[in-house]
Protein backbone atom coordinates (compact mmCIF):
# COMPACT_ATOMS: atom_id res chain seq x y z
CA UNK A 1 14.71 -46.38 -18.68
CA UNK A 2 15.56 -47.97 -15.42
CA UNK A 3 14.66 -46.17 -12.17
CA UNK A 4 18.13 -46.40 -10.81
CA UNK A 5 19.60 -44.55 -13.98
CA UNK A 6 16.75 -42.05 -13.91
CA UNK A 7 17.47 -41.32 -10.01
CA UNK A 8 21.28 -41.02 -10.90
CA UNK A 9 21.07 -38.62 -13.94
CA UNK A 10 18.42 -36.60 -11.93
CA UNK A 11 20.70 -36.35 -8.80
CA UNK A 12 23.56 -35.44 -10.86
CA UNK A 13 21.50 -32.67 -12.88
CA UNK A 14 20.25 -31.32 -9.77
CA UNK A 15 23.84 -30.97 -8.13
CA UNK A 16 25.22 -29.49 -11.26
CA UNK A 17 22.54 -26.74 -11.53
CA UNK A 18 23.39 -25.19 -8.11
CA UNK A 19 26.59 -23.76 -9.05
CA UNK A 20 25.09 -22.44 -12.25
CA UNK A 21 22.24 -20.74 -10.27
CA UNK A 22 24.62 -19.02 -7.97
CA UNK A 23 26.69 -18.02 -10.83
CA UNK A 24 23.74 -16.52 -12.53
CA UNK A 25 22.71 -14.79 -9.24
CA UNK A 26 25.93 -13.24 -8.62
CA UNK A 27 26.15 -11.92 -12.09
CA UNK A 28 22.92 -10.29 -11.69
CA UNK A 29 21.42 -12.43 -14.53
CA UNK A 30 17.97 -14.67 -14.18
CA UNK A 31 19.11 -18.19 -13.73
CA UNK A 32 16.80 -19.55 -16.49
CA UNK A 33 19.08 -22.45 -17.53
CA UNK A 34 19.75 -23.44 -14.05
CA UNK A 35 16.15 -23.50 -13.17
CA UNK A 36 15.25 -25.56 -16.20
CA UNK A 37 18.09 -28.03 -15.41
CA UNK A 38 16.73 -28.12 -11.75
CA UNK A 39 13.29 -28.96 -12.90
CA UNK A 40 14.37 -31.60 -15.14
CA UNK A 41 16.72 -33.14 -12.59
CA UNK A 42 14.08 -32.92 -9.90
CA UNK A 43 11.38 -34.39 -12.18
CA UNK A 44 13.70 -37.41 -12.85
CA UNK A 45 14.37 -37.85 -9.31
CA UNK A 46 10.70 -37.99 -8.56
CA UNK A 47 9.70 -40.27 -11.23
CA UNK A 48 12.42 -42.61 -10.22
CA UNK A 49 11.37 -42.43 -6.51
CA UNK A 50 7.78 -43.22 -7.58
CA UNK A 51 8.72 -46.15 -9.67
CA UNK A 52 10.38 -47.99 -6.75
CA UNK A 53 7.81 -49.92 -4.56
CA UNK A 54 9.48 -49.22 -1.24
CA UNK A 55 10.99 -45.99 -1.92
CA UNK A 56 14.70 -45.24 -1.42
CA UNK A 57 16.35 -44.99 1.91
CA UNK A 58 19.10 -42.49 2.39
CA UNK A 59 21.51 -45.32 2.91
CA UNK A 60 20.79 -47.04 -0.41
CA UNK A 61 21.73 -43.79 -2.45
CA UNK A 62 25.54 -44.84 -2.67
CA UNK A 63 24.70 -48.34 -3.57
CA UNK A 64 22.36 -46.97 -6.58
CA UNK A 65 25.25 -44.67 -7.87
CA UNK A 66 27.76 -47.51 -7.69
CA UNK A 67 25.36 -50.00 -9.40
CA UNK A 68 24.49 -47.56 -12.16
CA UNK A 69 28.28 -46.87 -12.50
CA UNK A 70 29.43 -50.53 -12.45
CA UNK A 71 26.79 -51.33 -15.35
CA UNK A 72 28.37 -48.88 -17.65
CA UNK A 73 32.12 -49.80 -16.50
CA UNK A 74 31.64 -53.60 -17.13
């Protein structure tokens, strides 16, 4: 799997786990599913960042997202 694709999938999973975690906490439930999704997403992001030789700058993140989306659209 491409490191850009892993980064995008991981970032999306991390972002989607936050509302699930808050929802579980508000309902007084343990946020098990949200925590698992957060761990999977975080692991994908860390693996993707380790595979990049120079790392990823904050300004490169939108370019990475658009590059991955463009690959699937075209």
